[in-house]
Amino acid sequence: MSELFDFGQKVLAKQAFSVFLGAELTKFEPGEAELTLLVRDELKQQHGFVHGGVVSYLADNSLGFVGGSVLTDVVTSEYKINYARPAIGEKLVARASVLASGKRQAVCQSKVFAIDGNEEKLVAVAQGTLNKVE
């Protein structure tokens, strides 16, 4: 494991909400981050698929991690999410990448997928701006 990945694991462990949801950091390197979450009934809404707030959490937090991979300590200043389809599956994975970055700001994208067996379906796409904490 890299120093960056170890650092990311420590950051995630300090996020009480992430721990509560059961999120796992599965990839963290410069310009790329991946968070996964096992689906449980408590995370579903009345129609049986994962609540949009949970999908949004994964998108936002993966944006924060990937922005932090190039700027160190960041906060989300804005993001937009588009839901493509209901999140139905055993696990969710958010894969984020940096689109552009400067000294104080990074524009990043996250794609959230639902995994059911060997099938993976895109459920949401988010784009956000992360600002360096100074």
N, C-alpha and C. Protein backbone atom coordinates (compact mmCIF):
# COMPACT_ATOMS: atom_id res chain seq x y z
N MET A 1 0.84 -1.18 0.00
CA MET A 1 0.00 0.00 0.00
C MET A 1 0.88 1.25 0.00
N SER A 2 0.37 2.29 -0.61
CA SER A 2 1.12 3.54 -0.67
C SER A 2 0.86 4.40 0.56
N GLU A 3 1.72 5.39 0.76
CA GLU A 3 1.52 6.34 1.86
C GLU A 3 0.21 7.09 1.67
N LEU A 4 -0.10 7.46 0.43
CA LEU A 4 -1.34 8.18 0.15
C LEU A 4 -2.55 7.33 0.51
N PHE A 5 -2.53 6.06 0.12
CA PHE A 5 -3.65 5.17 0.44
C PHE A 5 -3.80 5.02 1.96
N ASP A 6 -2.70 4.84 2.65
CA ASP A 6 -2.74 4.73 4.12
C ASP A 6 -3.32 6.00 4.73
N PHE A 7 -2.90 7.16 4.22
CA PHE A 7 -3.43 8.43 4.70
C PHE A 7 -4.95 8.50 4.45
N GLY A 8 -5.37 8.09 3.26
CA GLY A 8 -6.80 8.09 2.92
C GLY A 8 -7.61 7.19 3.85
N GLN A 9 -7.06 6.04 4.19
CA GLN A 9 -7.73 5.13 5.13
C GLN A 9 -7.95 5.81 6.48
N LYS A 10 -6.94 6.55 6.94
CA LYS A 10 -7.04 7.25 8.23
C LYS A 10 -8.09 8.36 8.16
N VAL A 11 -8.12 9.08 7.04
CA VAL A 11 -9.12 10.14 6.87
C VAL A 11 -10.52 9.55 6.90
N LEU A 12 -10.75 8.48 6.15
CA LEU A 12 -12.06 7.85 6.11
C LEU A 12 -12.48 7.36 7.49
N ALA A 13 -11.56 6.80 8.24
CA ALA A 13 -11.86 6.29 9.58
C ALA A 13 -12.28 7.41 10.53
N LYS A 14 -11.89 8.64 10.24
CA LYS A 14 -12.26 9.79 11.08
C LYS A 14 -13.63 10.36 10.70
N GLN A 15 -14.19 9.91 9.60
CA GLN A 15 -15.50 10.40 9.14
C GLN A 15 -16.60 9.51 9.73
N ALA A 16 -17.20 9.97 10.80
CA ALA A 16 -18.19 9.15 11.51
C ALA A 16 -19.33 8.70 10.60
N PHE A 17 -19.79 9.57 9.72
CA PHE A 17 -20.89 9.20 8.83
C PHE A 17 -20.47 8.11 7.86
N SER A 18 -19.26 8.21 7.34
CA SER A 18 -18.74 7.17 6.44
C SER A 18 -18.63 5.83 7.15
N VAL A 19 -18.15 5.87 8.39
CA VAL A 19 -18.04 4.64 9.19
C VAL A 19 -19.43 4.06 9.43
N PHE A 20 -20.39 4.92 9.78
CA PHE A 20 -21.77 4.50 10.01
C PHE A 20 -22.36 3.80 8.79
N LEU A 21 -22.10 4.35 7.59
CA LEU A 21 -22.62 3.75 6.36
C LEU A 21 -21.86 2.48 5.97
N GLY A 22 -20.62 2.35 6.41
CA GLY A 22 -19.81 1.19 6.04
C GLY A 22 -19.00 1.39 4.78
N ALA A 23 -18.71 2.64 4.43
CA ALA A 23 -17.94 2.93 3.22
C ALA A 23 -16.50 2.44 3.36
N GLU A 24 -15.95 1.99 2.23
CA GLU A 24 -14.55 1.54 2.19
C GLU A 24 -13.82 2.26 1.07
N LEU A 25 -12.62 2.69 1.36
CA LEU A 25 -11.75 3.27 0.35
C LEU A 25 -11.01 2.12 -0.31
N THR A 26 -11.23 1.91 -1.60
CA THR A 26 -10.61 0.77 -2.27
C THR A 26 -9.52 1.16 -3.25
N LYS A 27 -9.45 2.47 -3.57
CA LYS A 27 -8.37 2.97 -4.43
C LYS A 27 -8.16 4.43 -4.08
N PHE A 28 -6.90 4.82 -3.94
CA PHE A 28 -6.58 6.22 -3.65
C PHE A 28 -5.16 6.48 -4.11
N GLU A 29 -5.06 7.13 -5.24
CA GLU A 29 -3.76 7.51 -5.80
C GLU A 29 -3.93 8.86 -6.48
N PRO A 30 -2.85 9.53 -6.81
CA PRO A 30 -2.99 10.87 -7.40
C PRO A 30 -3.91 10.86 -8.63
N GLY A 31 -4.99 11.62 -8.53
CA GLY A 31 -5.93 11.76 -9.64
C GLY A 31 -7.01 10.71 -9.73
N GLU A 32 -7.00 9.72 -8.83
CA GLU A 32 -8.02 8.67 -8.86
C GLU A 32 -8.39 8.23 -7.45
N ALA A 33 -9.69 7.99 -7.24
CA ALA A 33 -10.16 7.48 -5.96
C ALA A 33 -11.37 6.60 -6.20
N GLU A 34 -11.55 5.62 -5.33
CA GLU A 34 -12.70 4.71 -5.43
C GLU A 34 -13.20 4.39 -4.03
N LEU A 35 -14.50 4.56 -3.83
CA LEU A 35 -15.17 4.20 -2.59
C LEU A 35 -16.21 3.14 -2.89
N THR A 36 -16.36 2.17 -1.99
CA THR A 36 -17.38 1.15 -2.16
C THR A 36 -18.25 1.09 -0.91
N LEU A 37 -19.45 0.56 -1.12
CA LEU A 37 -20.42 0.46 -0.04
C LEU A 37 -21.30 -0.75 -0.29
N LEU A 38 -21.36 -1.65 0.69
CA LEU A 38 -22.27 -2.79 0.58
C LEU A 38 -23.69 -2.30 0.83
N VAL A 39 -24.62 -2.76 0.01
CA VAL A 39 -26.02 -2.34 0.12
C VAL A 39 -26.69 -3.15 1.23
N ARG A 40 -27.38 -2.42 2.11
CA ARG A 40 -28.18 -3.03 3.17
C ARG A 40 -29.59 -2.47 3.09
N ASP A 41 -30.53 -3.16 3.67
CA ASP A 41 -31.92 -2.71 3.63
C ASP A 41 -32.08 -1.32 4.22
N GLU A 42 -31.30 -0.98 5.24
CA GLU A 42 -31.40 0.33 5.89
C GLU A 42 -31.04 1.48 4.96
N LEU A 43 -30.39 1.19 3.85
CA LEU A 43 -29.97 2.22 2.90
C LEU A 43 -30.94 2.38 1.73
N LYS A 44 -32.02 1.60 1.74
CA LYS A 44 -32.97 1.62 0.63
C LYS A 44 -34.16 2.52 0.93
N GLN A 45 -34.78 3.00 -0.14
CA GLN A 45 -36.00 3.79 0.01
C GLN A 45 -37.22 2.89 -0.24
N GLN A 46 -38.39 3.49 -0.30
CA GLN A 46 -39.65 2.73 -0.31
C GLN A 46 -39.84 1.84 -1.54
N HIS A 47 -39.11 2.10 -2.63
CA HIS A 47 -39.26 1.27 -3.83
C HIS A 47 -38.25 0.12 -3.88
N GLY A 48 -37.37 0.07 -2.87
CA GLY A 48 -36.44 -1.05 -2.79
C GLY A 48 -35.07 -0.79 -3.38
N PHE A 49 -34.82 0.42 -3.89
CA PHE A 49 -33.45 0.68 -4.35
C PHE A 49 -32.78 1.68 -3.42
N VAL A 50 -31.45 1.77 -3.56
CA VAL A 50 -30.67 2.59 -2.64
C VAL A 50 -31.13 4.04 -2.72
N HIS A 51 -31.29 4.65 -1.57
CA HIS A 51 -31.74 6.03 -1.47
C HIS A 51 -30.78 6.96 -2.21
N GLY A 52 -31.33 7.94 -2.88
CA GLY A 52 -30.52 8.90 -3.63
C GLY A 52 -29.51 9.64 -2.77
N GLY A 53 -29.84 9.85 -1.50
CA GLY A 53 -28.90 10.51 -0.60
C GLY A 53 -27.66 9.68 -0.36
N VAL A 54 -27.80 8.37 -0.36
CA VAL A 54 -26.65 7.48 -0.18
C VAL A 54 -25.79 7.51 -1.44
N VAL A 55 -26.42 7.48 -2.60
CA VAL A 55 -25.70 7.58 -3.87
C VAL A 55 -24.96 8.91 -3.92
N SER A 56 -25.64 9.98 -3.53
CA SER A 56 -25.04 11.32 -3.53
C SER A 56 -23.87 11.39 -2.55
N TYR A 57 -24.01 10.79 -1.39
CA TYR A 57 -22.90 10.74 -0.43
C TYR A 57 -21.66 10.13 -1.09
N LEU A 58 -21.83 8.97 -1.74
CA LEU A 58 -20.69 8.29 -2.36
C LEU A 58 -20.04 9.17 -3.42
N ALA A 59 -20.86 9.83 -4.23
CA ALA A 59 -20.33 10.72 -5.25
C ALA A 59 -19.54 11.86 -4.61
N ASP A 60 -20.15 12.54 -3.64
CA ASP A 60 -19.51 13.69 -2.99
C ASP A 60 -18.22 13.28 -2.29
N ASN A 61 -18.25 12.21 -1.53
CA ASN A 61 -17.05 11.82 -0.79
C ASN A 61 -15.94 11.35 -1.72
N SER A 62 -16.29 10.66 -2.79
CA SER A 62 -15.25 10.26 -3.73
C SER A 62 -14.65 11.48 -4.43
N LEU A 63 -15.47 12.50 -4.69
CA LEU A 63 -14.95 13.76 -5.25
C LEU A 63 -13.97 14.39 -4.26
N GLY A 64 -14.32 14.38 -2.98
CA GLY A 64 -13.44 14.94 -1.97
C GLY A 64 -12.11 14.21 -1.89
N PHE A 65 -12.16 12.89 -1.95
CA PHE A 65 -10.92 12.13 -1.91
C PHE A 65 -10.05 12.39 -3.12
N VAL A 66 -10.65 12.38 -4.30
CA VAL A 66 -9.82 12.56 -5.49
C VAL A 66 -9.28 13.99 -5.56
N GLY A 67 -10.08 14.97 -5.14
CA GLY A 67 -9.57 16.34 -5.08
C GLY A 67 -8.43 16.45 -4.09
N GLY A 68 -8.60 15.78 -2.95
CA GLY A 68 -7.55 15.76 -1.94
C GLY A 68 -6.28 15.05 -2.39
N SER A 69 -6.40 14.17 -3.36
CA SER A 69 -5.22 13.46 -3.85
C SER A 69 -4.26 14.38 -4.59
N VAL A 70 -4.76 15.52 -5.07
CA VAL A 70 -3.89 16.47 -5.77
C VAL A 70 -3.71 17.79 -5.02
N LEU A 71 -4.59 18.07 -4.05
CA LEU A 71 -4.52 19.34 -3.31
C LEU A 71 -4.35 19.16 -1.81
N THR A 72 -4.21 17.97 -1.33
CA THR A 72 -4.08 17.62 0.09
C THR A 72 -5.40 17.76 0.83
N ASP A 73 -5.65 18.89 1.49
CA ASP A 73 -6.84 19.05 2.33
C ASP A 73 -7.86 19.91 1.59
N VAL A 74 -9.05 19.34 1.31
CA VAL A 74 -10.04 20.06 0.51
C VAL A 74 -11.43 19.98 1.13
N VAL A 75 -12.30 20.86 0.67
CA VAL A 75 -13.73 20.79 0.95
C VAL A 75 -14.45 20.98 -0.38
N THR A 76 -15.63 20.41 -0.47
CA THR A 76 -16.45 20.56 -1.67
C THR A 76 -17.05 21.96 -1.66
N SER A 77 -16.86 22.71 -2.74
CA SER A 77 -17.51 24.02 -2.83
C SER A 77 -18.81 23.92 -3.61
N GLU A 78 -18.91 22.94 -4.50
CA GLU A 78 -20.17 22.68 -5.21
C GLU A 78 -20.07 21.35 -5.93
N TYR A 79 -21.23 20.75 -6.16
CA TYR A 79 -21.28 19.60 -7.06
C TYR A 79 -22.70 19.42 -7.57
N LYS A 80 -22.77 18.76 -8.69
CA LYS A 80 -24.04 18.46 -9.35
C LYS A 80 -24.06 16.97 -9.61
N ILE A 81 -25.23 16.39 -9.44
CA ILE A 81 -25.35 14.95 -9.68
C ILE A 81 -26.51 14.68 -10.62
N ASN A 82 -26.30 13.76 -11.54
CA ASN A 82 -27.35 13.28 -12.42
C ASN A 82 -27.55 11.80 -12.13
N TYR A 83 -28.79 11.43 -11.82
CA TYR A 83 -29.13 10.03 -11.58
C TYR A 83 -29.54 9.41 -12.92
N ALA A 84 -28.89 8.32 -13.28
CA ALA A 84 -29.15 7.67 -14.57
C ALA A 84 -30.20 6.56 -14.46
N ARG A 85 -30.21 5.85 -13.34
CA ARG A 85 -31.16 4.74 -13.13
C ARG A 85 -31.17 4.40 -11.65
N PRO A 86 -32.18 3.66 -11.21
CA PRO A 86 -32.21 3.26 -9.80
C PRO A 86 -30.99 2.42 -9.42
N ALA A 87 -30.51 2.62 -8.22
CA ALA A 87 -29.36 1.88 -7.71
C ALA A 87 -29.84 0.58 -7.09
N ILE A 88 -29.74 -0.49 -7.88
CA ILE A 88 -30.18 -1.82 -7.45
C ILE A 88 -28.98 -2.75 -7.57
N GLY A 89 -28.63 -3.40 -6.48
CA GLY A 89 -27.50 -4.31 -6.52
C GLY A 89 -27.03 -4.66 -5.13
N GLU A 90 -25.93 -5.37 -5.08
CA GLU A 90 -25.34 -5.82 -3.83
C GLU A 90 -24.35 -4.81 -3.26
N LYS A 91 -23.78 -4.02 -4.16
CA LYS A 91 -22.71 -3.10 -3.77
C LYS A 91 -22.75 -1.89 -4.68
N LEU A 92 -22.35 -0.75 -4.14
CA LEU A 92 -22.16 0.46 -4.94
C LEU A 92 -20.68 0.79 -4.96
N VAL A 93 -20.22 1.32 -6.07
CA VAL A 93 -18.84 1.78 -6.17
C VAL A 93 -18.83 3.13 -6.86
N ALA A 94 -18.10 4.07 -6.27
CA ALA A 94 -17.94 5.41 -6.86
C ALA A 94 -16.49 5.53 -7.31
N ARG A 95 -16.30 5.82 -8.58
CA ARG A 95 -14.95 5.99 -9.14
C ARG A 95 -14.80 7.44 -9.56
N ALA A 96 -13.83 8.11 -8.97
CA ALA A 96 -13.66 9.54 -9.22
C ALA A 96 -12.30 9.82 -9.85
N SER A 97 -12.28 10.88 -10.65
CA SER A 97 -11.04 11.31 -11.29
C SER A 97 -10.99 12.83 -11.34
N VAL A 98 -9.79 13.34 -11.45
CA VAL A 98 -9.57 14.78 -11.56
C VAL A 98 -9.66 15.16 -13.03
N LEU A 99 -10.49 16.15 -13.33
CA LEU A 99 -10.59 16.65 -14.70
C LEU A 99 -9.60 17.79 -14.94
N ALA A 100 -9.43 18.66 -13.94
CA ALA A 100 -8.49 19.78 -14.02
C ALA A 100 -8.18 20.24 -12.61
N SER A 101 -6.94 20.67 -12.39
CA SER A 101 -6.61 21.20 -11.07
C SER A 101 -5.57 22.30 -11.19
N GLY A 102 -5.61 23.18 -10.19
CA GLY A 102 -4.64 24.27 -10.09
C GLY A 102 -4.04 24.25 -8.70
N LYS A 103 -3.65 25.44 -8.22
CA LYS A 103 -3.02 25.53 -6.90
C LYS A 103 -4.02 25.41 -5.76
N ARG A 104 -5.27 25.87 -5.98
CA ARG A 104 -6.24 25.92 -4.89
C ARG A 104 -7.56 25.24 -5.20
N GLN A 105 -7.73 24.76 -6.42
CA GLN A 105 -9.04 24.24 -6.82
C GLN A 105 -8.86 23.07 -7.78
N ALA A 106 -9.76 22.10 -7.67
CA ALA A 106 -9.78 20.98 -8.61
C ALA A 106 -11.21 20.73 -9.05
N VAL A 107 -11.39 20.48 -10.32
CA VAL A 107 -12.68 20.08 -10.87
C VAL A 107 -12.59 18.58 -11.11
N CYS A 108 -13.54 17.85 -10.53
CA CYS A 108 -13.47 16.39 -10.55
C CYS A 108 -14.80 15.78 -10.97
N GLN A 109 -14.73 14.52 -11.36
CA GLN A 109 -15.93 13.79 -11.78
C GLN A 109 -15.98 12.47 -11.04
N SER A 110 -17.20 12.05 -10.69
CA SER A 110 -17.41 10.75 -10.06
C SER A 110 -18.53 10.02 -10.79
N LYS A 111 -18.31 8.75 -11.04
CA LYS A 111 -19.33 7.89 -11.60
C LYS A 111 -19.65 6.82 -10.56
N VAL A 112 -20.94 6.67 -10.26
CA VAL A 112 -21.38 5.70 -9.27
C VAL A 112 -22.04 4.53 -10.00
N PHE A 113 -21.60 3.33 -9.67
CA PHE A 113 -22.11 2.11 -10.29
C PHE A 113 -22.75 1.21 -9.24
N ALA A 114 -23.80 0.52 -9.65
CA ALA A 114 -24.39 -0.54 -8.84
C ALA A 114 -23.88 -1.86 -9.39
N ILE A 115 -23.44 -2.73 -8.49
CA ILE A 115 -22.92 -4.03 -8.90
C ILE A 115 -23.84 -5.11 -8.37
N ASP A 116 -24.29 -5.95 -9.28
CA ASP A 116 -25.16 -7.07 -8.94
C ASP A 116 -24.55 -8.31 -9.58
N GLY A 117 -23.92 -9.14 -8.77
CA GLY A 117 -23.20 -10.29 -9.32
C GLY A 117 -22.01 -9.79 -10.12
N ASN A 118 -21.95 -10.17 -11.40
CA ASN A 118 -20.88 -9.71 -12.29
C ASN A 118 -21.30 -8.53 -13.13
N GLU A 119 -22.54 -8.07 -12.96
CA GLU A 119 -23.07 -6.98 -13.76
C GLU A 119 -22.88 -5.64 -13.05
N GLU A 120 -22.40 -4.67 -13.80
CA GLU A 120 -22.15 -3.33 -13.27
C GLU A 120 -22.94 -2.32 -14.11
N LYS A 121 -23.75 -1.49 -13.44
CA LYS A 121 -24.56 -0.50 -14.15
C LYS A 121 -24.31 0.89 -13.59
N LEU A 122 -24.14 1.84 -14.48
CA LEU A 122 -23.98 3.23 -14.09
C LEU A 122 -25.30 3.74 -13.53
N VAL A 123 -25.26 4.29 -12.31
CA VAL A 123 -26.48 4.82 -11.70
C VAL A 123 -26.45 6.34 -11.54
N ALA A 124 -25.26 6.94 -11.50
CA ALA A 124 -25.18 8.39 -11.34
C ALA A 124 -23.83 8.91 -11.79
N VAL A 125 -23.84 10.17 -12.22
CA VAL A 125 -22.61 10.88 -12.58
C VAL A 125 -22.64 12.22 -11.87
N ALA A 126 -21.53 12.57 -11.23
CA ALA A 126 -21.45 13.86 -10.53
C ALA A 126 -20.19 14.59 -10.96
N GLN A 127 -20.28 15.90 -10.95
CA GLN A 127 -19.11 16.74 -11.20
C GLN A 127 -19.07 17.78 -10.11
N GLY A 128 -17.89 18.04 -9.58
CA GLY A 128 -17.78 18.99 -8.49
C GLY A 128 -16.48 19.77 -8.49
N THR A 129 -16.51 20.84 -7.72
CA THR A 129 -15.32 21.66 -7.51
C THR A 129 -14.90 21.53 -6.06
N LEU A 130 -13.62 21.24 -5.85
CA LEU A 130 -13.06 21.09 -4.52
C LEU A 130 -12.06 22.22 -4.32
N ASN A 131 -12.14 22.87 -3.15
CA ASN A 131 -11.22 23.95 -2.83
C ASN A 131 -10.28 23.53 -1.72
N LYS A 132 -9.03 23.94 -1.87
CA LYS A 132 -8.01 23.65 -0.85
C LYS A 132 -8.33 24.42 0.42
N VAL A 133 -8.22 23.74 1.54
CA VAL A 133 -8.42 24.39 2.84
C VAL A 133 -7.10 25.07 3.21
N GLU A 134 -7.18 26.36 3.51
CA GLU A 134 -5.95 27.10 3.85
C GLU A 134 -6.08 27.74 5.20
